[in-house]
Protein backbone atom coordinates (compact mmCIF):
# COMPACT_ATOMS: atom_id res chain seq x y z
CA MET A 1 0.96 -16.72 12.53
CA GLY A 2 -1.25 -18.69 10.30
CA SER A 3 -4.81 -19.37 9.55
CA ASN A 4 -5.07 -21.68 12.58
CA PRO A 5 -6.40 -19.56 15.54
CA GLN A 6 -4.49 -21.80 18.02
CA ASN A 7 -1.23 -20.35 16.62
CA ARG A 8 -2.23 -16.70 17.18
CA PRO A 9 -1.31 -14.78 20.36
CA THR A 10 -4.08 -13.88 22.78
CA ALA A 11 -5.28 -10.29 23.08
CA GLU A 12 -3.90 -10.31 26.54
CA TYR A 13 -0.52 -11.19 25.36
CA VAL A 14 -0.62 -8.56 22.58
CA TYR A 15 -1.72 -5.93 25.04
CA SER A 16 1.04 -6.90 27.53
CA LYS A 17 3.76 -6.86 24.75
CA ILE A 18 2.75 -3.39 23.55
CA ASN A 19 2.76 -2.13 27.08
CA GLN A 20 6.23 -3.60 27.51
CA TRP A 21 7.47 -1.81 24.34
CA LYS A 22 6.00 1.49 25.48
CA THR A 23 7.76 1.21 28.83
CA ILE A 24 11.06 0.40 27.05
CA LEU A 25 10.70 3.56 24.82
CA VAL A 26 10.35 5.90 27.73
CA SER A 27 13.00 4.22 30.03
CA GLU A 28 16.58 5.09 30.24
CA ASN A 29 18.15 2.19 32.35
CA LEU A 30 17.83 -0.71 29.84
CA THR A 31 19.30 -4.05 29.18
CA ASP A 32 21.08 -4.86 25.97
CA GLU A 33 17.95 -6.58 24.69
CA GLU A 34 15.75 -3.66 25.61
CA LEU A 35 18.21 -1.21 24.00
CA ASP A 36 18.02 -3.26 20.88
CA ILE A 37 14.23 -3.10 20.76
CA LYS A 38 14.24 0.71 21.40
CA LYS A 39 16.75 1.14 18.54
CA LYS A 40 14.60 -0.90 16.24
CA PHE A 41 11.61 1.29 16.96
CA ILE A 42 13.55 4.46 16.46
CA ASP A 43 15.04 3.16 13.19
CA SER A 44 11.72 2.04 11.92
CA ASP A 45 10.20 5.40 12.62
CA ARG A 46 13.00 7.03 10.56
CA ILE A 47 12.60 4.54 7.71
CA ILE A 48 8.73 5.04 7.58
CA LYS A 49 9.18 8.94 7.38
CA GLN A 50 11.82 8.58 4.64
CA THR A 51 9.68 6.02 2.72
CA THR A 52 6.50 8.02 3.07
CA LEU A 53 8.19 11.30 1.79
CA LYS A 54 9.79 9.47 -1.11
CA SER A 55 6.50 7.79 -2.09
CA LEU A 56 4.71 11.05 -2.02
CA SER A 57 7.19 12.79 -4.24
CA ILE A 58 7.14 9.92 -6.77
CA PHE A 59 3.34 9.72 -6.93
CA GLN A 60 2.89 13.51 -7.19
CA ASN A 61 4.92 13.59 -10.28
CA LYS A 62 3.03 10.65 -12.03
CA TYR A 63 -0.64 11.08 -11.13
CA CYS A 64 -2.83 14.01 -11.81
CA SER A 65 -6.53 14.55 -12.12
CA ALA A 66 -8.11 14.85 -15.48
CA LEU A 67 -11.74 15.09 -16.69
CA ILE A 68 -12.88 12.08 -18.59
CA ASP A 69 -14.27 13.01 -22.08
CA VAL A 70 -17.13 10.53 -22.24
CA PRO A 71 -18.61 11.81 -25.51
CA LYS A 72 -15.19 11.44 -27.23
CA ILE A 73 -14.78 7.81 -25.91
CA ILE A 74 -18.26 6.88 -27.09
CA GLU A 75 -17.49 8.43 -30.49
CA ARG A 76 -14.28 6.34 -30.66
CA LEU A 77 -16.11 3.18 -29.84
CA LYS A 78 -18.63 3.79 -32.47
CA VAL A 79 -16.00 4.32 -35.15
CA SER A 80 -14.09 1.19 -33.94
CA THR A 81 -17.33 -0.79 -34.26
CA LYS A 82 -18.05 0.61 -37.74
CA VAL A 83 -14.53 -0.27 -38.88
CA SER A 84 -14.73 -3.80 -37.53
CA HIS A 85 -18.11 -4.37 -39.19
CA SER A 86 -16.73 -3.21 -42.58
CA ILE A 87 -13.79 -5.63 -42.50
CA PRO A 88 -14.89 -9.15 -43.13
CA GLY A 89 -13.71 -11.65 -40.44
CA VAL A 90 -12.59 -8.96 -38.07
CA TYR A 91 -14.68 -8.47 -34.93
CA LEU A 92 -14.37 -6.00 -32.03
CA ASN A 93 -14.09 -8.90 -29.67
CA ASP A 94 -10.88 -10.05 -31.29
CA TYR A 95 -8.94 -7.11 -29.69
């Protein structure tokens, strides 16, 4: 596909293709090509489940909620501004 609408499939084609795949997934007497399609769907479901579980466990270990101490941040900014004004030639925007 691309940005050119003429290169995109029609809604009717997409609908037809999805129905074809749904039929393949529930059928038993399949051609080699249909078996390959069914296998790819089953494999992708397995991969998605594994990837999702792995991603969740990784992110649960790295991210946690914490309150933001706004007064502390403001105080640090004030101190930083005072320091930068007390040093000639050093400005807060330099960092």
